[in-house]
Amino acid sequence: MNSEELSCVRKKHDLILENRKNLSVTGVSDVSGFDDEKVVLTTELGELTVRGSRLHISKFSQDTGELTLDGEIDELQYSESKKDEGGFFSKLFR
């Protein structure tokens, strides 16, 4: 495969939450923002927001798309990826 074909292939996206304390996520392309109460991830299936307390990213590899997070996890929330929203005209003609 050439580089264009590789960029079109979706990475597998999985979540594994253990005892609401350890979260492993695959298919992560970017960490948009983080602090000890909120982590915002860009994934293959949209933006994922993790809320809780004492959150800590213990491992992130942009090459493999794997992220490991620990802390007290209270909420996982997906929202649509901003890339899919389109521009002004796509909103106008919905």
PDB file of N, CA and C in Angstrom:
ATOM      1  N   MET A   1       0.838  -1.186   0.000  1.00  0.00           N
ATOM      2  CA  MET A   1       0.000   0.000   0.000  1.00  0.00           C
ATOM      3  C   MET A   1       0.879   1.244   0.000  1.00  0.00           C
ATOM      4  N   ASN A   2       0.443   2.251  -0.756  1.00  0.00           N
ATOM      5  CA  ASN A   2       1.179   3.508  -0.705  1.00  0.00           C
ATOM      6  C   ASN A   2       0.653   4.359   0.446  1.00  0.00           C
ATOM      7  N   SER A   3       1.253   5.526   0.654  1.00  0.00           N
ATOM      8  CA  SER A   3       0.899   6.347   1.820  1.00  0.00           C
ATOM      9  C   SER A   3      -0.533   6.865   1.752  1.00  0.00           C
ATOM     10  N   GLU A   4      -1.069   7.116   0.540  1.00  0.00           N
ATOM     11  CA  GLU A   4      -2.452   7.580   0.428  1.00  0.00           C
ATOM     12  C   GLU A   4      -3.430   6.489   0.850  1.00  0.00           C
ATOM     13  N   GLU A   5      -3.147   5.241   0.461  1.00  0.00           N
ATOM     14  CA  GLU A   5      -4.013   4.134   0.843  1.00  0.00           C
ATOM     15  C   GLU A   5      -3.963   3.889   2.344  1.00  0.00           C
ATOM     16  N   LEU A   6      -2.772   4.030   2.941  1.00  0.00           N
ATOM     17  CA  LEU A   6      -2.647   3.836   4.383  1.00  0.00           C
ATOM     18  C   LEU A   6      -3.425   4.873   5.160  1.00  0.00           C
ATOM     19  N   SER A   7      -3.452   6.126   4.677  1.00  0.00           N
ATOM     20  CA  SER A   7      -4.175   7.170   5.409  1.00  0.00           C
ATOM     21  C   SER A   7      -5.683   6.969   5.337  1.00  0.00           C
ATOM     22  N   CYS A   8      -6.186   6.248   4.320  1.00  0.00           N
ATOM     23  CA  CYS A   8      -7.616   6.000   4.186  1.00  0.00           C
ATOM     24  C   CYS A   8      -8.077   4.801   5.011  1.00  0.00           C
ATOM     25  N   VAL A   9      -7.157   3.941   5.441  1.00  0.00           N
ATOM     26  CA  VAL A   9      -7.506   2.761   6.215  1.00  0.00           C
ATOM     27  C   VAL A   9      -7.780   3.177   7.647  1.00  0.00           C
ATOM     28  N   ARG A  10      -8.942   2.780   8.176  1.00  0.00           N
ATOM     29  CA  ARG A  10      -9.276   3.124   9.557  1.00  0.00           C
ATOM     30  C   ARG A  10      -8.568   2.191  10.514  1.00  0.00           C
ATOM     31  N   LYS A  11      -8.084   2.780  11.592  1.00  0.00           N
ATOM     32  CA  LYS A  11      -7.519   1.970  12.662  1.00  0.00           C
ATOM     33  C   LYS A  11      -8.665   1.405  13.483  1.00  0.00           C
ATOM     34  N   LYS A  12      -8.454   0.259  14.067  1.00  0.00           N
ATOM     35  CA  LYS A  12      -9.448  -0.353  14.930  1.00  0.00           C
ATOM     36  C   LYS A  12      -9.649   0.535  16.158  1.00  0.00           C
ATOM     37  N   HIS A  13     -10.899   0.687  16.580  1.00  0.00           N
ATOM     38  CA  HIS A  13     -11.201   1.535  17.740  1.00  0.00           C
ATOM     39  C   HIS A  13     -11.871   0.687  18.812  1.00  0.00           C
ATOM     40  N   ASP A  14     -11.206   0.534  19.936  1.00  0.00           N
ATOM     41  CA  ASP A  14     -11.726  -0.232  21.066  1.00  0.00           C
ATOM     42  C   ASP A  14     -11.542   0.558  22.350  1.00  0.00           C
ATOM     43  N   LEU A  15     -12.430   0.297  23.306  1.00  0.00           N
ATOM     44  CA  LEU A  15     -12.316   0.845  24.660  1.00  0.00           C
ATOM     45  C   LEU A  15     -12.330  -0.318  25.637  1.00  0.00           C
ATOM     46  N   ILE A  16     -11.425  -0.298  26.597  1.00  0.00           N
ATOM     47  CA  ILE A  16     -11.442  -1.275  27.683  1.00  0.00           C
ATOM     48  C   ILE A  16     -11.365  -0.477  28.978  1.00  0.00           C
ATOM     49  N   LEU A  17     -12.429  -0.548  29.769  1.00  0.00           N
ATOM     50  CA  LEU A  17     -12.500   0.158  31.044  1.00  0.00           C
ATOM     51  C   LEU A  17     -12.487  -0.874  32.157  1.00  0.00           C
ATOM     52  N   GLU A  18     -11.512  -0.774  33.035  1.00  0.00           N
ATOM     53  CA  GLU A  18     -11.370  -1.718  34.144  1.00  0.00           C
ATOM     54  C   GLU A  18     -11.634  -1.006  35.466  1.00  0.00           C
ATOM     55  N   ASN A  19     -12.688  -1.426  36.149  1.00  0.00           N
ATOM     56  CA  ASN A  19     -13.038  -0.923  37.483  1.00  0.00           C
ATOM     57  C   ASN A  19     -13.146   0.597  37.559  1.00  0.00           C
ATOM     58  N   ARG A  20     -13.523   1.221  36.452  1.00  0.00           N
ATOM     59  CA  ARG A  20     -13.643   2.686  36.375  1.00  0.00           C
ATOM     60  C   ARG A  20     -12.361   3.394  36.795  1.00  0.00           C
ATOM     61  N   LYS A  21     -11.228   2.704  36.712  1.00  0.00           N
ATOM     62  CA  LYS A  21      -9.948   3.296  37.110  1.00  0.00           C
ATOM     63  C   LYS A  21      -8.922   3.296  35.982  1.00  0.00           C
ATOM     64  N   ASN A  22      -8.972   2.313  35.102  1.00  0.00           N
ATOM     65  CA  ASN A  22      -8.001   2.194  34.013  1.00  0.00           C
ATOM     66  C   ASN A  22      -8.737   2.098  32.690  1.00  0.00           C
ATOM     67  N   LEU A  23      -8.369   2.956  31.746  1.00  0.00           N
ATOM     68  CA  LEU A  23      -9.002   2.966  30.436  1.00  0.00           C
ATOM     69  C   LEU A  23      -7.933   2.796  29.376  1.00  0.00           C
ATOM     70  N   SER A  24      -8.146   1.826  28.488  1.00  0.00           N
ATOM     71  CA  SER A  24      -7.278   1.633  27.325  1.00  0.00           C
ATOM     72  C   SER A  24      -8.112   1.914  26.089  1.00  0.00           C
ATOM     73  N   VAL A  25      -7.578   2.745  25.189  1.00  0.00           N
ATOM     74  CA  VAL A  25      -8.294   3.133  23.987  1.00  0.00           C
ATOM     75  C   VAL A  25      -7.378   2.914  22.791  1.00  0.00           C
ATOM     76  N   THR A  26      -7.904   2.308  21.722  1.00  0.00           N
ATOM     77  CA  THR A  26      -7.169   2.212  20.468  1.00  0.00           C
ATOM     78  C   THR A  26      -7.908   3.029  19.422  1.00  0.00           C
ATOM     79  N   GLY A  27      -7.220   3.370  18.345  1.00  0.00           N
ATOM     80  CA  GLY A  27      -7.814   4.186  17.285  1.00  0.00           C
ATOM     81  C   GLY A  27      -7.806   5.665  17.609  1.00  0.00           C
ATOM     82  N   VAL A  28      -6.872   6.095  18.464  1.00  0.00           N
ATOM     83  CA  VAL A  28      -6.760   7.505  18.849  1.00  0.00           C
ATOM     84  C   VAL A  28      -5.769   8.185  17.903  1.00  0.00           C
ATOM     85  N   SER A  29      -6.200   9.267  17.265  1.00  0.00           N
ATOM     86  CA  SER A  29      -5.297   9.981  16.368  1.00  0.00           C
ATOM     87  C   SER A  29      -4.688  11.225  17.009  1.00  0.00           C
ATOM     88  N   ASP A  30      -5.342  11.756  18.065  1.00  0.00           N
ATOM     89  CA  ASP A  30      -4.813  12.967  18.690  1.00  0.00           C
ATOM     90  C   ASP A  30      -5.425  13.148  20.074  1.00  0.00           C
ATOM     91  N   VAL A  31      -4.696  13.830  20.937  1.00  0.00           N
ATOM     92  CA  VAL A  31      -5.221  14.276  22.237  1.00  0.00           C
ATOM     93  C   VAL A  31      -5.436  15.777  22.093  1.00  0.00           C
ATOM     94  N   SER A  32      -6.711  16.191  22.049  1.00  0.00           N
ATOM     95  CA  SER A  32      -7.046  17.594  21.805  1.00  0.00           C
ATOM     96  C   SER A  32      -6.835  18.468  23.028  1.00  0.00           C
ATOM     97  N   GLY A  33      -6.995  17.894  24.212  1.00  0.00           N
ATOM     98  CA  GLY A  33      -6.807  18.659  25.433  1.00  0.00           C
ATOM     99  C   GLY A  33      -6.929  17.747  26.632  1.00  0.00           C
ATOM    100  N   PHE A  34      -6.280  18.143  27.719  1.00  0.00           N
ATOM    101  CA  PHE A  34      -6.378  17.314  28.917  1.00  0.00           C
ATOM    102  C   PHE A  34      -6.021  18.118  30.152  1.00  0.00           C
ATOM    103  N   ASP A  35      -6.646  17.743  31.256  1.00  0.00           N
ATOM    104  CA  ASP A  35      -6.253  18.182  32.587  1.00  0.00           C
ATOM    105  C   ASP A  35      -6.646  17.057  33.533  1.00  0.00           C
ATOM    106  N   ASP A  36      -6.614  17.289  34.839  1.00  0.00           N
ATOM    107  CA  ASP A  36      -6.876  16.186  35.768  1.00  0.00           C
ATOM    108  C   ASP A  36      -8.356  15.834  35.902  1.00  0.00           C
ATOM    109  N   GLU A  37      -9.260  16.594  35.234  1.00  0.00           N
ATOM    110  CA  GLU A  37     -10.686  16.293  35.295  1.00  0.00           C
ATOM    111  C   GLU A  37     -11.312  15.973  33.942  1.00  0.00           C
ATOM    112  N   LYS A  38     -10.598  16.253  32.834  1.00  0.00           N
ATOM    113  CA  LYS A  38     -11.170  16.025  31.506  1.00  0.00           C
ATOM    114  C   LYS A  38     -10.062  15.750  30.494  1.00  0.00           C
ATOM    115  N   VAL A  39     -10.285  14.725  29.654  1.00  0.00           N
ATOM    116  CA  VAL A  39      -9.370  14.411  28.556  1.00  0.00           C
ATOM    117  C   VAL A  39     -10.211  14.331  27.290  1.00  0.00           C
ATOM    118  N   VAL A  40      -9.792  15.046  26.237  1.00  0.00           N
ATOM    119  CA  VAL A  40     -10.514  15.057  24.973  1.00  0.00           C
ATOM    120  C   VAL A  40      -9.632  14.395  23.917  1.00  0.00           C
ATOM    121  N   LEU A  41     -10.166  13.306  23.327  1.00  0.00           N
ATOM    122  CA  LEU A  41      -9.428  12.519  22.347  1.00  0.00           C
ATOM    123  C   LEU A  41     -10.112  12.592  20.994  1.00  0.00           C
ATOM    124  N   THR A  42      -9.326  12.626  19.933  1.00  0.00           N
ATOM    125  CA  THR A  42      -9.851  12.482  18.584  1.00  0.00           C
ATOM    126  C   THR A  42      -9.642  11.033  18.196  1.00  0.00           C
ATOM    127  N   THR A  43     -10.754  10.327  17.907  1.00  0.00           N
ATOM    128  CA  THR A  43     -10.682   8.908  17.569  1.00  0.00           C
ATOM    129  C   THR A  43     -11.213   8.687  16.157  1.00  0.00           C
ATOM    130  N   GLU A  44     -11.117   7.469  15.701  1.00  0.00           N
ATOM    131  CA  GLU A  44     -11.622   7.090  14.388  1.00  0.00           C
ATOM    132  C   GLU A  44     -13.133   7.264  14.283  1.00  0.00           C
ATOM    133  N   LEU A  45     -13.841   7.241  15.411  1.00  0.00           N
ATOM    134  CA  LEU A  45     -15.300   7.322  15.395  1.00  0.00           C
ATOM    135  C   LEU A  45     -15.841   8.632  15.964  1.00  0.00           C
ATOM    136  N   GLY A  46     -15.013   9.649  16.057  1.00  0.00           N
ATOM    137  CA  GLY A  46     -15.451  10.945  16.563  1.00  0.00           C
ATOM    138  C   GLY A  46     -14.647  11.358  17.780  1.00  0.00           C
ATOM    139  N   GLU A  47     -15.037  12.473  18.352  1.00  0.00           N
ATOM    140  CA  GLU A  47     -14.352  13.006  19.520  1.00  0.00           C
ATOM    141  C   GLU A  47     -14.863  12.302  20.773  1.00  0.00           C
ATOM    142  N   LEU A  48     -13.952  11.855  21.615  1.00  0.00           N
ATOM    143  CA  LEU A  48     -14.289  11.169  22.863  1.00  0.00           C
ATOM    144  C   LEU A  48     -13.820  12.023  24.027  1.00  0.00           C
ATOM    145  N   THR A  49     -14.753  12.373  24.921  1.00  0.00           N
ATOM    146  CA  THR A  49     -14.423  13.134  26.121  1.00  0.00           C
ATOM    147  C   THR A  49     -14.536  12.210  27.324  1.00  0.00           C
ATOM    148  N   VAL A  50     -13.470  12.172  28.116  1.00  0.00           N
ATOM    149  CA  VAL A  50     -13.435  11.371  29.340  1.00  0.00           C
ATOM    150  C   VAL A  50     -13.425  12.350  30.501  1.00  0.00           C
ATOM    151  N   ARG A  51     -14.380  12.209  31.414  1.00  0.00           N
ATOM    152  CA  ARG A  51     -14.443  13.083  32.591  1.00  0.00           C
ATOM    153  C   ARG A  51     -14.255  12.248  33.855  1.00  0.00           C
ATOM    154  N   GLY A  52     -13.668  12.867  34.863  1.00  0.00           N
ATOM    155  CA  GLY A  52     -13.445  12.191  36.125  1.00  0.00           C
ATOM    156  C   GLY A  52     -12.587  13.047  37.025  1.00  0.00           C
ATOM    157  N   SER A  53     -11.793  12.394  37.868  1.00  0.00           N
ATOM    158  CA  SER A  53     -10.880  13.126  38.741  1.00  0.00           C
ATOM    159  C   SER A  53      -9.542  12.398  38.769  1.00  0.00           C
ATOM    160  N   ARG A  54      -8.515  13.164  39.009  1.00  0.00           N
ATOM    161  CA  ARG A  54      -7.136  12.649  39.041  1.00  0.00           C
ATOM    162  C   ARG A  54      -6.794  11.852  37.781  1.00  0.00           C
ATOM    163  N   LEU A  55      -7.257  12.349  36.620  1.00  0.00           N
ATOM    164  CA  LEU A  55      -6.985  11.660  35.360  1.00  0.00           C
ATOM    165  C   LEU A  55      -5.537  11.881  34.949  1.00  0.00           C
ATOM    166  N   HIS A  56      -4.917  10.834  34.443  1.00  0.00           N
ATOM    167  CA  HIS A  56      -3.510  10.871  34.068  1.00  0.00           C
ATOM    168  C   HIS A  56      -3.302   9.996  32.838  1.00  0.00           C
ATOM    169  N   ILE A  57      -2.738  10.559  31.787  1.00  0.00           N
ATOM    170  CA  ILE A  57      -2.404   9.778  30.592  1.00  0.00           C
ATOM    171  C   ILE A  57      -1.072   9.100  30.869  1.00  0.00           C
ATOM    172  N   SER A  58      -1.098   7.784  31.003  1.00  0.00           N
ATOM    173  CA  SER A  58       0.138   7.071  31.318  1.00  0.00           C
ATOM    174  C   SER A  58       0.890   6.633  30.066  1.00  0.00           C
ATOM    175  N   LYS A  59       0.162   6.497  28.932  1.00  0.00           N
ATOM    176  CA  LYS A  59       0.832   6.115  27.691  1.00  0.00           C
ATOM    177  C   LYS A  59       0.010   6.604  26.514  1.00  0.00           C
ATOM    178  N   PHE A  60       0.687   7.181  25.503  1.00  0.00           N
ATOM    179  CA  PHE A  60       0.036   7.549  24.251  1.00  0.00           C
ATOM    180  C   PHE A  60       1.026   7.414  23.122  1.00  0.00           C
ATOM    181  N   SER A  61       0.644   6.653  22.101  1.00  0.00           N
ATOM    182  CA  SER A  61       1.460   6.508  20.905  1.00  0.00           C
ATOM    183  C   SER A  61       0.623   6.932  19.710  1.00  0.00           C
ATOM    184  N   GLN A  62       1.007   8.024  19.083  1.00  0.00           N
ATOM    185  CA  GLN A  62       0.276   8.488  17.917  1.00  0.00           C
ATOM    186  C   GLN A  62       0.497   7.543  16.732  1.00  0.00           C
ATOM    187  N   ASP A  63       1.641   6.859  16.699  1.00  0.00           N
ATOM    188  CA  ASP A  63       1.919   5.919  15.617  1.00  0.00           C
ATOM    189  C   ASP A  63       0.973   4.729  15.629  1.00  0.00           C
ATOM    190  N   THR A  64       0.733   4.157  16.813  1.00  0.00           N
ATOM    191  CA  THR A  64      -0.143   2.982  16.912  1.00  0.00           C
ATOM    192  C   THR A  64      -1.581   3.359  17.256  1.00  0.00           C
ATOM    193  N   GLY A  65      -1.813   4.581  17.736  1.00  0.00           N
ATOM    194  CA  GLY A  65      -3.154   5.014  18.114  1.00  0.00           C
ATOM    195  C   GLY A  65      -3.605   4.479  19.456  1.00  0.00           C
ATOM    196  N   GLU A  66      -2.660   4.032  20.294  1.00  0.00           N
ATOM    197  CA  GLU A  66      -3.008   3.460  21.599  1.00  0.00           C
ATOM    198  C   GLU A  66      -2.795   4.484  22.701  1.00  0.00           C
ATOM    199  N   LEU A  67      -3.766   4.550  23.628  1.00  0.00           N
ATOM    200  CA  LEU A  67      -3.696   5.458  24.766  1.00  0.00           C
ATOM    201  C   LEU A  67      -4.134   4.709  26.013  1.00  0.00           C
ATOM    202  N   THR A  68      -3.431   4.937  27.114  1.00  0.00           N
ATOM    203  CA  THR A  68      -3.790   4.367  28.406  1.00  0.00           C
ATOM    204  C   THR A  68      -3.956   5.525  29.382  1.00  0.00           C
ATOM    205  N   LEU A  69      -5.053   5.484  30.122  1.00  0.00           N
ATOM    206  CA  LEU A  69      -5.433   6.554  31.031  1.00  0.00           C
ATOM    207  C   LEU A  69      -5.804   5.943  32.369  1.00  0.00           C
ATOM    208  N   ASP A  70      -5.396   6.592  33.470  1.00  0.00           N
ATOM    209  CA  ASP A  70      -5.825   6.108  34.782  1.00  0.00           C
ATOM    210  C   ASP A  70      -6.344   7.263  35.614  1.00  0.00           C
ATOM    211  N   GLY A  71      -7.101   6.936  36.643  1.00  0.00           N
ATOM    212  CA  GLY A  71      -7.735   7.910  37.514  1.00  0.00           C
ATOM    213  C   GLY A  71      -9.138   7.419  37.836  1.00  0.00           C
ATOM    214  N   GLU A  72      -9.973   8.299  38.361  1.00  0.00           N
ATOM    215  CA  GLU A  72     -11.362   7.937  38.660  1.00  0.00           C
ATOM    216  C   GLU A  72     -12.220   8.409  37.494  1.00  0.00           C
ATOM    217  N   ILE A  73     -12.715   7.462  36.694  1.00  0.00           N
ATOM    218  CA  ILE A  73     -13.438   7.778  35.469  1.00  0.00           C
ATOM    219  C   ILE A  73     -14.937   7.780  35.760  1.00  0.00           C
ATOM    220  N   ASP A  74     -15.573   8.934  35.497  1.00  0.00           N
ATOM    221  CA  ASP A  74     -16.999   9.097  35.759  1.00  0.00           C
ATOM    222  C   ASP A  74     -17.839   9.073  34.495  1.00  0.00           C
ATOM    223  N   GLU A  75     -17.267   9.497  33.362  1.00  0.00           N
ATOM    224  CA  GLU A  75     -18.091   9.649  32.158  1.00  0.00           C
ATOM    225  C   GLU A  75     -17.251   9.482  30.904  1.00  0.00           C
ATOM    226  N   LEU A  76     -17.833   8.802  29.900  1.00  0.00           N
ATOM    227  CA  LEU A  76     -17.268   8.701  28.555  1.00  0.00           C
ATOM    228  C   LEU A  76     -18.338   9.229  27.612  1.00  0.00           C
ATOM    229  N   GLN A  77     -17.992  10.217  26.779  1.00  0.00           N
ATOM    230  CA  GLN A  77     -18.992  10.804  25.899  1.00  0.00           C
ATOM    231  C   GLN A  77     -18.407  11.018  24.509  1.00  0.00           C
ATOM    232  N   TYR A  78     -19.130  10.526  23.490  1.00  0.00           N
ATOM    233  CA  TYR A  78     -18.739  10.746  22.104  1.00  0.00           C
ATOM    234  C   TYR A  78     -19.489  11.927  21.529  1.00  0.00           C
ATOM    235  N   SER A  79     -18.839  12.646  20.651  1.00  0.00           N
ATOM    236  CA  SER A  79     -19.502  13.649  19.831  1.00  0.00           C
ATOM    237  C   SER A  79     -18.946  13.496  18.424  1.00  0.00           C
ATOM    238  N   GLU A  80     -19.663  14.014  17.463  1.00  0.00           N
ATOM    239  CA  GLU A  80     -19.233  13.874  16.079  1.00  0.00           C
ATOM    240  C   GLU A  80     -17.914  14.601  15.856  1.00  0.00           C
ATOM    241  N   SER A  81     -17.132  14.043  14.985  1.00  0.00           N
ATOM    242  CA  SER A  81     -15.850  14.638  14.651  1.00  0.00           C
ATOM    243  C   SER A  81     -16.085  15.941  13.907  1.00  0.00           C
ATOM    244  N   LYS A  82     -15.298  16.952  14.189  1.00  0.00           N
ATOM    245  CA  LYS A  82     -15.439  18.254  13.549  1.00  0.00           C
ATOM    246  C   LYS A  82     -15.134  18.175  12.064  1.00  0.00           C
ATOM    247  N   LYS A  83     -14.355  17.195  11.627  1.00  0.00           N
ATOM    248  CA  LYS A  83     -14.028  17.035  10.219  1.00  0.00           C
ATOM    249  C   LYS A  83     -15.284  16.729   9.403  1.00  0.00           C
ATOM    250  N   ASP A  84     -16.264  16.058  10.002  1.00  0.00           N
ATOM    251  CA  ASP A  84     -17.452  15.637   9.284  1.00  0.00           C
ATOM    252  C   ASP A  84     -18.519  16.720   9.211  1.00  0.00           C
ATOM    253  N   GLU A  85     -18.359  17.826   9.921  1.00  0.00           N
ATOM    254  CA  GLU A  85     -19.396  18.843   9.965  1.00  0.00           C
ATOM    255  C   GLU A  85     -19.530  19.591   8.649  1.00  0.00           C
ATOM    256  N   GLY A  86     -18.460  19.715   7.898  1.00  0.00           N
ATOM    257  CA  GLY A  86     -18.517  20.446   6.645  1.00  0.00           C
ATOM    258  C   GLY A  86     -18.451  21.945   6.880  1.00  0.00           C
ATOM    259  N   GLY A  87     -18.604  22.682   5.789  1.00  0.00           N
ATOM    260  CA  GLY A  87     -18.498  24.134   5.868  1.00  0.00           C
ATOM    261  C   GLY A  87     -19.848  24.806   5.992  1.00  0.00           C
ATOM    262  N   PHE A  88     -19.827  26.101   5.726  1.00  0.00           N
ATOM    263  CA  PHE A  88     -21.016  26.935   5.845  1.00  0.00           C
ATOM    264  C   PHE A  88     -22.140  26.446   4.936  1.00  0.00           C
ATOM    265  N   PHE A  89     -21.819  26.131   3.681  1.00  0.00           N
ATOM    266  CA  PHE A  89     -22.860  25.750   2.726  1.00  0.00           C
ATOM    267  C   PHE A  89     -23.479  24.397   3.045  1.00  0.00           C
ATOM    268  N   SER A  90     -22.703  23.459   3.591  1.00  0.00           N
ATOM    269  CA  SER A  90     -23.281  22.158   3.939  1.00  0.00           C
ATOM    270  C   SER A  90     -24.273  22.294   5.086  1.00  0.00           C
ATOM    271  N   LYS A  91     -24.048  23.247   5.996  1.00  0.00           N
ATOM    272  CA  LYS A  91     -24.997  23.506   7.078  1.00  0.00           C
ATOM    273  C   LYS A  91     -26.238  24.232   6.551  1.00  0.00           C
ATOM    274  N   LEU A  92     -26.027  25.118   5.593  1.00  0.00           N
ATOM    275  CA  LEU A  92     -27.112  25.897   5.034  1.00  0.00           C
ATOM    276  C   LEU A  92     -28.100  25.036   4.271  1.00  0.00           C
ATOM    277  N   PHE A  93     -27.609  24.007   3.570  1.00  0.00           N
ATOM    278  CA  PHE A  93     -28.459  23.194   2.710  1.00  0.00           C
ATOM    279  C   PHE A  93     -28.839  21.858   3.328  1.00  0.00           C
ATOM    280  N   ARG A  94     -28.836  21.728   4.618  1.00  0.00           N
ATOM    281  CA  ARG A  94     -29.267  20.489   5.285  1.00  0.00           C
ATOM    282  C   ARG A  94     -30.739  20.311   5.219  1.00  0.00           C
TER     283      ARG A  94
END
